[in-house]
Amino acid sequence: LGYFSLCELARVRLPFGLGIERDIG
């Protein structure tokens, strides 16, 4: 449990041009 930054997660760049995603379901 803890705190995390939405901006930092949004800036993450992953392989294949992907980023962190939201589980819409």
mmCIF file of all heavy atoms, coordinates in Angstrom:
data_MODEL
# 
_entry.id   MODEL 
# 
loop_
_atom_site.group_PDB 
_atom_site.id 
_atom_site.type_symbol 
_atom_site.label_atom_id 
_atom_site.label_alt_id 
_atom_site.label_comp_id 
_atom_site.label_asym_id 
_atom_site.label_entity_id 
_atom_site.label_seq_id 
_atom_site.pdbx_PDB_ins_code 
_atom_site.Cartn_x 
_atom_site.Cartn_y 
_atom_site.Cartn_z 
_atom_site.occupancy 
_atom_site.B_iso_or_equiv 
_atom_site.pdbx_formal_charge 
_atom_site.auth_seq_id 
_atom_site.auth_comp_id 
_atom_site.auth_asym_id 
_atom_site.auth_atom_id 
_atom_site.pdbx_PDB_model_num 
ATOM 1   N N   . LEU A 1 1  ? 0.842   -1.183 0.000   1.00 0.00 ? 1  LEU A N   1 
ATOM 2   C CA  . LEU A 1 1  ? 0.000   0.000  0.000   1.00 0.00 ? 1  LEU A CA  1 
ATOM 3   C C   . LEU A 1 1  ? 0.878   1.234  0.000   1.00 0.00 ? 1  LEU A C   1 
ATOM 4   O O   . LEU A 1 1  ? 1.929   1.246  0.647   1.00 0.00 ? 1  LEU A O   1 
ATOM 5   C CB  . LEU A 1 1  ? -0.890  0.012  1.248   1.00 0.00 ? 1  LEU A CB  1 
ATOM 6   C CG  . LEU A 1 1  ? -1.962  -1.062 1.310   1.00 0.00 ? 1  LEU A CG  1 
ATOM 7   C CD1 . LEU A 1 1  ? -2.601  -1.083 2.690   1.00 0.00 ? 1  LEU A CD1 1 
ATOM 8   C CD2 . LEU A 1 1  ? -3.013  -0.829 0.238   1.00 0.00 ? 1  LEU A CD2 1 
ATOM 9   N N   . GLY A 1 2  ? 0.452   2.260  -0.726  1.00 0.00 ? 2  GLY A N   1 
ATOM 10  C CA  . GLY A 1 2  ? 1.231   3.485  -0.724  1.00 0.00 ? 2  GLY A CA  1 
ATOM 11  C C   . GLY A 1 2  ? 0.747   4.460  -1.769  1.00 0.00 ? 2  GLY A C   1 
ATOM 12  O O   . GLY A 1 2  ? -0.335  4.315  -2.343  1.00 0.00 ? 2  GLY A O   1 
ATOM 13  N N   . TYR A 1 3  ? 1.568   5.459  -2.008  1.00 0.00 ? 3  TYR A N   1 
ATOM 14  C CA  . TYR A 1 3  ? 1.260   6.537  -2.940  1.00 0.00 ? 3  TYR A CA  1 
ATOM 15  C C   . TYR A 1 3  ? 2.089   6.381  -4.209  1.00 0.00 ? 3  TYR A C   1 
ATOM 16  O O   . TYR A 1 3  ? 3.230   5.941  -4.153  1.00 0.00 ? 3  TYR A O   1 
ATOM 17  C CB  . TYR A 1 3  ? 1.555   7.890  -2.293  1.00 0.00 ? 3  TYR A CB  1 
ATOM 18  C CG  . TYR A 1 3  ? 0.657   8.170  -1.122  1.00 0.00 ? 3  TYR A CG  1 
ATOM 19  C CD1 . TYR A 1 3  ? 1.019   7.796  0.164   1.00 0.00 ? 3  TYR A CD1 1 
ATOM 20  C CD2 . TYR A 1 3  ? -0.574  8.792  -1.308  1.00 0.00 ? 3  TYR A CD2 1 
ATOM 21  C CE1 . TYR A 1 3  ? 0.183   8.033  1.246   1.00 0.00 ? 3  TYR A CE1 1 
ATOM 22  C CE2 . TYR A 1 3  ? -1.415  9.045  -0.241  1.00 0.00 ? 3  TYR A CE2 1 
ATOM 23  C CZ  . TYR A 1 3  ? -1.026  8.663  1.035   1.00 0.00 ? 3  TYR A CZ  1 
ATOM 24  O OH  . TYR A 1 3  ? -1.861  8.902  2.091   1.00 0.00 ? 3  TYR A OH  1 
ATOM 25  N N   . PHE A 1 4  ? 1.503   6.755  -5.345  1.00 0.00 ? 4  PHE A N   1 
ATOM 26  C CA  . PHE A 1 4  ? 2.224   6.720  -6.614  1.00 0.00 ? 4  PHE A CA  1 
ATOM 27  C C   . PHE A 1 4  ? 1.713   7.849  -7.503  1.00 0.00 ? 4  PHE A C   1 
ATOM 28  O O   . PHE A 1 4  ? 0.599   8.336  -7.329  1.00 0.00 ? 4  PHE A O   1 
ATOM 29  C CB  . PHE A 1 4  ? 2.137   5.357  -7.308  1.00 0.00 ? 4  PHE A CB  1 
ATOM 30  C CG  . PHE A 1 4  ? 0.795   4.682  -7.257  1.00 0.00 ? 4  PHE A CG  1 
ATOM 31  C CD1 . PHE A 1 4  ? -0.098  4.811  -8.303  1.00 0.00 ? 4  PHE A CD1 1 
ATOM 32  C CD2 . PHE A 1 4  ? 0.431   3.903  -6.170  1.00 0.00 ? 4  PHE A CD2 1 
ATOM 33  C CE1 . PHE A 1 4  ? -1.330  4.180  -8.271  1.00 0.00 ? 4  PHE A CE1 1 
ATOM 34  C CE2 . PHE A 1 4  ? -0.803  3.268  -6.125  1.00 0.00 ? 4  PHE A CE2 1 
ATOM 35  C CZ  . PHE A 1 4  ? -1.691  3.406  -7.177  1.00 0.00 ? 4  PHE A CZ  1 
ATOM 36  N N   . SER A 1 5  ? 2.566   8.253  -8.432  1.00 0.00 ? 5  SER A N   1 
ATOM 37  C CA  . SER A 1 5  ? 2.288   9.415  -9.267  1.00 0.00 ? 5  SER A CA  1 
ATOM 38  C C   . SER A 1 5  ? 1.674   9.014  -10.602 1.00 0.00 ? 5  SER A C   1 
ATOM 39  O O   . SER A 1 5  ? 2.265   8.238  -11.365 1.00 0.00 ? 5  SER A O   1 
ATOM 40  C CB  . SER A 1 5  ? 3.587   10.184 -9.508  1.00 0.00 ? 5  SER A CB  1 
ATOM 41  O OG  . SER A 1 5  ? 3.421   11.133 -10.532 1.00 0.00 ? 5  SER A OG  1 
ATOM 42  N N   . LEU A 1 6  ? 0.530   9.578  -10.895 1.00 0.00 ? 6  LEU A N   1 
ATOM 43  C CA  . LEU A 1 6  ? -0.122  9.364  -12.177 1.00 0.00 ? 6  LEU A CA  1 
ATOM 44  C C   . LEU A 1 6  ? 0.741   9.897  -13.323 1.00 0.00 ? 6  LEU A C   1 
ATOM 45  O O   . LEU A 1 6  ? 0.902   9.240  -14.347 1.00 0.00 ? 6  LEU A O   1 
ATOM 46  C CB  . LEU A 1 6  ? -1.491  10.054 -12.182 1.00 0.00 ? 6  LEU A CB  1 
ATOM 47  C CG  . LEU A 1 6  ? -2.342  9.912  -13.435 1.00 0.00 ? 6  LEU A CG  1 
ATOM 48  C CD1 . LEU A 1 6  ? -2.710  8.448  -13.678 1.00 0.00 ? 6  LEU A CD1 1 
ATOM 49  C CD2 . LEU A 1 6  ? -3.586  10.767 -13.317 1.00 0.00 ? 6  LEU A CD2 1 
ATOM 50  N N   . CYS A 1 7  ? 1.345   11.068 -13.123 1.00 0.00 ? 7  CYS A N   1 
ATOM 51  C CA  . CYS A 1 7  ? 2.208   11.659 -14.165 1.00 0.00 ? 7  CYS A CA  1 
ATOM 52  C C   . CYS A 1 7  ? 3.409   10.773 -14.467 1.00 0.00 ? 7  CYS A C   1 
ATOM 53  O O   . CYS A 1 7  ? 3.783   10.600 -15.627 1.00 0.00 ? 7  CYS A O   1 
ATOM 54  C CB  . CYS A 1 7  ? 2.673   13.046 -13.739 1.00 0.00 ? 7  CYS A CB  1 
ATOM 55  S SG  . CYS A 1 7  ? 1.346   14.263 -13.722 1.00 0.00 ? 7  CYS A SG  1 
ATOM 56  N N   . GLU A 1 8  ? 4.024   10.216 -13.424 1.00 0.00 ? 8  GLU A N   1 
ATOM 57  C CA  . GLU A 1 8  ? 5.172   9.332  -13.649 1.00 0.00 ? 8  GLU A CA  1 
ATOM 58  C C   . GLU A 1 8  ? 4.757   8.079  -14.407 1.00 0.00 ? 8  GLU A C   1 
ATOM 59  O O   . GLU A 1 8  ? 5.461   7.634  -15.314 1.00 0.00 ? 8  GLU A O   1 
ATOM 60  C CB  . GLU A 1 8  ? 5.823   8.956  -12.325 1.00 0.00 ? 8  GLU A CB  1 
ATOM 61  C CG  . GLU A 1 8  ? 6.623   10.072 -11.704 1.00 0.00 ? 8  GLU A CG  1 
ATOM 62  C CD  . GLU A 1 8  ? 7.302   9.665  -10.410 1.00 0.00 ? 8  GLU A CD  1 
ATOM 63  O OE1 . GLU A 1 8  ? 7.453   8.446  -10.155 1.00 0.00 ? 8  GLU A OE1 1 
ATOM 64  O OE2 . GLU A 1 8  ? 7.679   10.565 -9.651  1.00 0.00 ? 8  GLU A OE2 1 
ATOM 65  N N   . LEU A 1 9  ? 3.615   7.507  -14.049 1.00 0.00 ? 9  LEU A N   1 
ATOM 66  C CA  . LEU A 1 9  ? 3.151   6.311  -14.757 1.00 0.00 ? 9  LEU A CA  1 
ATOM 67  C C   . LEU A 1 9  ? 2.823   6.643  -16.210 1.00 0.00 ? 9  LEU A C   1 
ATOM 68  O O   . LEU A 1 9  ? 3.109   5.850  -17.109 1.00 0.00 ? 9  LEU A O   1 
ATOM 69  C CB  . LEU A 1 9  ? 1.934   5.712  -14.058 1.00 0.00 ? 9  LEU A CB  1 
ATOM 70  C CG  . LEU A 1 9  ? 2.196   5.107  -12.681 1.00 0.00 ? 9  LEU A CG  1 
ATOM 71  C CD1 . LEU A 1 9  ? 0.887   4.641  -12.045 1.00 0.00 ? 9  LEU A CD1 1 
ATOM 72  C CD2 . LEU A 1 9  ? 3.187   3.963  -12.758 1.00 0.00 ? 9  LEU A CD2 1 
ATOM 73  N N   . ALA A 1 10 ? 2.252   7.807  -16.449 1.00 0.00 ? 10 ALA A N   1 
ATOM 74  C CA  . ALA A 1 10 ? 1.902   8.206  -17.820 1.00 0.00 ? 10 ALA A CA  1 
ATOM 75  C C   . ALA A 1 10 ? 3.144   8.425  -18.673 1.00 0.00 ? 10 ALA A C   1 
ATOM 76  O O   . ALA A 1 10 ? 3.081   8.275  -19.900 1.00 0.00 ? 10 ALA A O   1 
ATOM 77  C CB  . ALA A 1 10 ? 1.048   9.471  -17.794 1.00 0.00 ? 10 ALA A CB  1 
ATOM 78  N N   . ARG A 1 11 ? 4.274   8.757  -18.051 1.00 0.00 ? 11 ARG A N   1 
ATOM 79  C CA  . ARG A 1 11 ? 5.513   9.000  -18.811 1.00 0.00 ? 11 ARG A CA  1 
ATOM 80  C C   . ARG A 1 11 ? 6.313   7.722  -19.091 1.00 0.00 ? 11 ARG A C   1 
ATOM 81  O O   . ARG A 1 11 ? 7.278   7.768  -19.858 1.00 0.00 ? 11 ARG A O   1 
ATOM 82  C CB  . ARG A 1 11 ? 6.405   9.978  -18.045 1.00 0.00 ? 11 ARG A CB  1 
ATOM 83  C CG  . ARG A 1 11 ? 5.922   11.413 -18.135 1.00 0.00 ? 11 ARG A CG  1 
ATOM 84  C CD  . ARG A 1 11 ? 6.987   12.386 -17.687 1.00 0.00 ? 11 ARG A CD  1 
ATOM 85  N NE  . ARG A 1 11 ? 7.409   12.182 -16.313 1.00 0.00 ? 11 ARG A NE  1 
ATOM 86  C CZ  . ARG A 1 11 ? 6.969   12.892 -15.267 1.00 0.00 ? 11 ARG A CZ  1 
ATOM 87  N NH1 . ARG A 1 11 ? 6.099   13.850 -15.436 1.00 0.00 ? 11 ARG A NH1 1 
ATOM 88  N NH2 . ARG A 1 11 ? 7.417   12.641 -14.059 1.00 0.00 ? 11 ARG A NH2 1 
ATOM 89  N N   . VAL A 1 12 ? 5.939   6.609  -18.503 1.00 0.00 ? 12 VAL A N   1 
ATOM 90  C CA  . VAL A 1 12 ? 6.688   5.362  -18.710 1.00 0.00 ? 12 VAL A CA  1 
ATOM 91  C C   . VAL A 1 12 ? 6.595   4.956  -20.183 1.00 0.00 ? 12 VAL A C   1 
ATOM 92  O O   . VAL A 1 12 ? 5.506   4.904  -20.757 1.00 0.00 ? 12 VAL A O   1 
ATOM 93  C CB  . VAL A 1 12 ? 6.137   4.231  -17.806 1.00 0.00 ? 12 VAL A CB  1 
ATOM 94  C CG1 . VAL A 1 12 ? 6.737   2.882  -18.184 1.00 0.00 ? 12 VAL A CG1 1 
ATOM 95  C CG2 . VAL A 1 12 ? 6.393   4.552  -16.340 1.00 0.00 ? 12 VAL A CG2 1 
ATOM 96  N N   . ARG A 1 13 ? 7.747   4.669  -20.775 1.00 0.00 ? 13 ARG A N   1 
ATOM 97  C CA  . ARG A 1 13 ? 7.802   4.190  -22.157 1.00 0.00 ? 13 ARG A CA  1 
ATOM 98  C C   . ARG A 1 13 ? 8.313   2.758  -22.143 1.00 0.00 ? 13 ARG A C   1 
ATOM 99  O O   . ARG A 1 13 ? 9.381   2.464  -21.610 1.00 0.00 ? 13 ARG A O   1 
ATOM 100 C CB  . ARG A 1 13 ? 8.726   5.063  -23.017 1.00 0.00 ? 13 ARG A CB  1 
ATOM 101 C CG  . ARG A 1 13 ? 8.179   6.445  -23.233 1.00 0.00 ? 13 ARG A CG  1 
ATOM 102 C CD  . ARG A 1 13 ? 6.857   6.404  -24.036 1.00 0.00 ? 13 ARG A CD  1 
ATOM 103 N NE  . ARG A 1 13 ? 6.058   7.580  -23.777 1.00 0.00 ? 13 ARG A NE  1 
ATOM 104 C CZ  . ARG A 1 13 ? 4.848   7.588  -23.210 1.00 0.00 ? 13 ARG A CZ  1 
ATOM 105 N NH1 . ARG A 1 13 ? 4.273   6.476  -22.842 1.00 0.00 ? 13 ARG A NH1 1 
ATOM 106 N NH2 . ARG A 1 13 ? 4.189   8.703  -23.009 1.00 0.00 ? 13 ARG A NH2 1 
ATOM 107 N N   . LEU A 1 14 ? 7.550   1.886  -22.731 1.00 0.00 ? 14 LEU A N   1 
ATOM 108 C CA  . LEU A 1 14 ? 7.829   0.457  -22.743 1.00 0.00 ? 14 LEU A CA  1 
ATOM 109 C C   . LEU A 1 14 ? 8.218   0.020  -24.153 1.00 0.00 ? 14 LEU A C   1 
ATOM 110 O O   . LEU A 1 14 ? 8.049   0.781  -25.103 1.00 0.00 ? 14 LEU A O   1 
ATOM 111 C CB  . LEU A 1 14 ? 6.589   -0.303 -22.272 1.00 0.00 ? 14 LEU A CB  1 
ATOM 112 C CG  . LEU A 1 14 ? 6.112   0.044  -20.860 1.00 0.00 ? 14 LEU A CG  1 
ATOM 113 C CD1 . LEU A 1 14 ? 4.710   -0.493 -20.621 1.00 0.00 ? 14 LEU A CD1 1 
ATOM 114 C CD2 . LEU A 1 14 ? 7.076   -0.499 -19.823 1.00 0.00 ? 14 LEU A CD2 1 
ATOM 115 N N   . PRO A 1 15 ? 8.686   -1.216 -24.302 1.00 0.00 ? 15 PRO A N   1 
ATOM 116 C CA  . PRO A 1 15 ? 8.995   -1.714 -25.649 1.00 0.00 ? 15 PRO A CA  1 
ATOM 117 C C   . PRO A 1 15 ? 7.779   -1.620 -26.581 1.00 0.00 ? 15 PRO A C   1 
ATOM 118 O O   . PRO A 1 15 ? 6.631   -1.615 -26.139 1.00 0.00 ? 15 PRO A O   1 
ATOM 119 C CB  . PRO A 1 15 ? 9.368   -3.183 -25.403 1.00 0.00 ? 15 PRO A CB  1 
ATOM 120 C CG  . PRO A 1 15 ? 9.822   -3.222 -23.983 1.00 0.00 ? 15 PRO A CG  1 
ATOM 121 C CD  . PRO A 1 15 ? 9.008   -2.190 -23.263 1.00 0.00 ? 15 PRO A CD  1 
ATOM 122 N N   . PHE A 1 16 ? 8.058   -1.561 -27.868 1.00 0.00 ? 16 PHE A N   1 
ATOM 123 C CA  . PHE A 1 16 ? 7.049   -1.539 -28.923 1.00 0.00 ? 16 PHE A CA  1 
ATOM 124 C C   . PHE A 1 16 ? 6.190   -0.271 -28.887 1.00 0.00 ? 16 PHE A C   1 
ATOM 125 O O   . PHE A 1 16 ? 5.070   -0.259 -29.391 1.00 0.00 ? 16 PHE A O   1 
ATOM 126 C CB  . PHE A 1 16 ? 6.146   -2.779 -28.861 1.00 0.00 ? 16 PHE A CB  1 
ATOM 127 C CG  . PHE A 1 16 ? 6.898   -4.061 -28.717 1.00 0.00 ? 16 PHE A CG  1 
ATOM 128 C CD1 . PHE A 1 16 ? 6.832   -4.798 -27.544 1.00 0.00 ? 16 PHE A CD1 1 
ATOM 129 C CD2 . PHE A 1 16 ? 7.710   -4.534 -29.746 1.00 0.00 ? 16 PHE A CD2 1 
ATOM 130 C CE1 . PHE A 1 16 ? 7.544   -5.976 -27.397 1.00 0.00 ? 16 PHE A CE1 1 
ATOM 131 C CE2 . PHE A 1 16 ? 8.412   -5.707 -29.606 1.00 0.00 ? 16 PHE A CE2 1 
ATOM 132 C CZ  . PHE A 1 16 ? 8.334   -6.436 -28.434 1.00 0.00 ? 16 PHE A CZ  1 
ATOM 133 N N   . GLY A 1 17 ? 6.691   0.784  -28.248 1.00 0.00 ? 17 GLY A N   1 
ATOM 134 C CA  . GLY A 1 17 ? 5.966   2.048  -28.182 1.00 0.00 ? 17 GLY A CA  1 
ATOM 135 C C   . GLY A 1 17 ? 4.797   2.056  -27.214 1.00 0.00 ? 17 GLY A C   1 
ATOM 136 O O   . GLY A 1 17 ? 3.954   2.944  -27.268 1.00 0.00 ? 17 GLY A O   1 
ATOM 137 N N   . LEU A 1 18 ? 4.747   1.070  -26.353 1.00 0.00 ? 18 LEU A N   1 
ATOM 138 C CA  . LEU A 1 18 ? 3.638   0.968  -25.399 1.00 0.00 ? 18 LEU A CA  1 
ATOM 139 C C   . LEU A 1 18 ? 3.896   1.801  -24.155 1.00 0.00 ? 18 LEU A C   1 
ATOM 140 O O   . LEU A 1 18 ? 5.018   2.203  -23.883 1.00 0.00 ? 18 LEU A O   1 
ATOM 141 C CB  . LEU A 1 18 ? 3.415   -0.498 -25.003 1.00 0.00 ? 18 LEU A CB  1 
ATOM 142 C CG  . LEU A 1 18 ? 3.015   -1.440 -26.135 1.00 0.00 ? 18 LEU A CG  1 
ATOM 143 C CD1 . LEU A 1 18 ? 3.038   -2.880 -25.664 1.00 0.00 ? 18 LEU A CD1 1 
ATOM 144 C CD2 . LEU A 1 18 ? 1.642   -1.067 -26.656 1.00 0.00 ? 18 LEU A CD2 1 
ATOM 145 N N   . GLY A 1 19 ? 2.834   2.008  -23.394 1.00 0.00 ? 19 GLY A N   1 
ATOM 146 C CA  . GLY A 1 19 ? 2.918   2.685  -22.106 1.00 0.00 ? 19 GLY A CA  1 
ATOM 147 C C   . GLY A 1 19 ? 2.034   1.976  -21.101 1.00 0.00 ? 19 GLY A C   1 
ATOM 148 O O   . GLY A 1 19 ? 1.389   0.966  -21.416 1.00 0.00 ? 19 GLY A O   1 
ATOM 149 N N   . ILE A 1 20 ? 1.978   2.497  -19.902 1.00 0.00 ? 20 ILE A N   1 
ATOM 150 C CA  . ILE A 1 20 ? 1.090   1.950  -18.881 1.00 0.00 ? 20 ILE A CA  1 
ATOM 151 C C   . ILE A 1 20 ? -0.345  2.137  -19.366 1.00 0.00 ? 20 ILE A C   1 
ATOM 152 O O   . ILE A 1 20 ? -0.684  3.159  -19.955 1.00 0.00 ? 20 ILE A O   1 
ATOM 153 C CB  . ILE A 1 20 ? 1.310   2.664  -17.526 1.00 0.00 ? 20 ILE A CB  1 
ATOM 154 C CG1 . ILE A 1 20 ? 2.755   2.493  -17.054 1.00 0.00 ? 20 ILE A CG1 1 
ATOM 155 C CG2 . ILE A 1 20 ? 0.313   2.174  -16.486 1.00 0.00 ? 20 ILE A CG2 1 
ATOM 156 C CD1 . ILE A 1 20 ? 3.201   1.056  -16.870 1.00 0.00 ? 20 ILE A CD1 1 
ATOM 157 N N   . GLU A 1 21 ? -1.186  1.139  -19.123 1.00 0.00 ? 21 GLU A N   1 
ATOM 158 C CA  . GLU A 1 21 ? -2.563  1.177  -19.602 1.00 0.00 ? 21 GLU A CA  1 
ATOM 159 C C   . GLU A 1 21 ? -3.550  1.058  -18.455 1.00 0.00 ? 21 GLU A C   1 
ATOM 160 O O   . GLU A 1 21 ? -3.213  0.569  -17.383 1.00 0.00 ? 21 GLU A O   1 
ATOM 161 C CB  . GLU A 1 21 ? -2.806  0.044  -20.601 1.00 0.00 ? 21 GLU A CB  1 
ATOM 162 C CG  . GLU A 1 21 ? -1.988  0.183  -21.863 1.00 0.00 ? 21 GLU A CG  1 
ATOM 163 C CD  . GLU A 1 21 ? -2.322  -0.867 -22.904 1.00 0.00 ? 21 GLU A CD  1 
ATOM 164 O OE1 . GLU A 1 21 ? -3.373  -1.529 -22.786 1.00 0.00 ? 21 GLU A OE1 1 
ATOM 165 O OE2 . GLU A 1 21 ? -1.532  -1.018 -23.844 1.00 0.00 ? 21 GLU A OE2 1 
ATOM 166 N N   . ARG A 1 22 ? -4.780  1.478  -18.735 1.00 0.00 ? 22 ARG A N   1 
ATOM 167 C CA  . ARG A 1 22 ? -5.881  1.341  -17.782 1.00 0.00 ? 22 ARG A CA  1 
ATOM 168 C C   . ARG A 1 22 ? -6.710  0.133  -18.189 1.00 0.00 ? 22 ARG A C   1 
ATOM 169 O O   . ARG A 1 22 ? -7.015  -0.059 -19.367 1.00 0.00 ? 22 ARG A O   1 
ATOM 170 C CB  . ARG A 1 22 ? -6.749  2.598  -17.810 1.00 0.00 ? 22 ARG A CB  1 
ATOM 171 C CG  . ARG A 1 22 ? -8.014  2.496  -16.969 1.00 0.00 ? 22 ARG A CG  1 
ATOM 172 C CD  . ARG A 1 22 ? -8.767  3.821  -16.903 1.00 0.00 ? 22 ARG A CD  1 
ATOM 173 N NE  . ARG A 1 22 ? -8.868  4.528  -18.156 1.00 0.00 ? 22 ARG A NE  1 
ATOM 174 C CZ  . ARG A 1 22 ? -9.882  4.406  -19.012 1.00 0.00 ? 22 ARG A CZ  1 
ATOM 175 N NH1 . ARG A 1 22 ? -10.870 3.587  -18.767 1.00 0.00 ? 22 ARG A NH1 1 
ATOM 176 N NH2 . ARG A 1 22 ? -9.891  5.100  -20.135 1.00 0.00 ? 22 ARG A NH2 1 
ATOM 177 N N   . ASP A 1 23 ? -7.076  -0.678 -17.201 1.00 0.00 ? 23 ASP A N   1 
ATOM 178 C CA  . ASP A 1 23 ? -7.964  -1.808 -17.450 1.00 0.00 ? 23 ASP A CA  1 
ATOM 179 C C   . ASP A 1 23 ? -9.385  -1.256 -17.512 1.00 0.00 ? 23 ASP A C   1 
ATOM 180 O O   . ASP A 1 23 ? -9.985  -0.946 -16.477 1.00 0.00 ? 23 ASP A O   1 
ATOM 181 C CB  . ASP A 1 23 ? -7.827  -2.839 -16.332 1.00 0.00 ? 23 ASP A CB  1 
ATOM 182 C CG  . ASP A 1 23 ? -8.680  -4.076 -16.536 1.00 0.00 ? 23 ASP A CG  1 
ATOM 183 O OD1 . ASP A 1 23 ? -9.636  -4.031 -17.334 1.00 0.00 ? 23 ASP A OD1 1 
ATOM 184 O OD2 . ASP A 1 23 ? -8.407  -5.086 -15.868 1.00 0.00 ? 23 ASP A OD2 1 
ATOM 185 N N   . ILE A 1 24 ? -9.913  -1.109 -18.726 1.00 0.00 ? 24 ILE A N   1 
ATOM 186 C CA  . ILE A 1 24 ? -11.210 -0.459 -18.893 1.00 0.00 ? 24 ILE A CA  1 
ATOM 187 C C   . ILE A 1 24 ? -12.364 -1.319 -18.372 1.00 0.00 ? 24 ILE A C   1 
ATOM 188 O O   . ILE A 1 24 ? -13.453 -0.802 -18.132 1.00 0.00 ? 24 ILE A O   1 
ATOM 189 C CB  . ILE A 1 24 ? -11.466 -0.047 -20.360 1.00 0.00 ? 24 ILE A CB  1 
ATOM 190 C CG1 . ILE A 1 24 ? -11.442 -1.267 -21.282 1.00 0.00 ? 24 ILE A CG1 1 
ATOM 191 C CG2 . ILE A 1 24 ? -10.462 0.992  -20.808 1.00 0.00 ? 24 ILE A CG2 1 
ATOM 192 C CD1 . ILE A 1 24 ? -11.860 -0.960 -22.707 1.00 0.00 ? 24 ILE A CD1 1 
ATOM 193 N N   . GLY A 1 25 ? -12.148 -2.600 -18.185 1.00 0.00 ? 25 GLY A N   1 
ATOM 194 C CA  . GLY A 1 25 ? -13.201 -3.481 -17.684 1.00 0.00 ? 25 GLY A CA  1 
ATOM 195 C C   . GLY A 1 25 ? -13.124 -3.740 -16.193 1.00 0.00 ? 25 GLY A C   1 
ATOM 196 O O   . GLY A 1 25 ? -13.917 -4.503 -15.652 1.00 0.00 ? 25 GLY A O   1 
# 
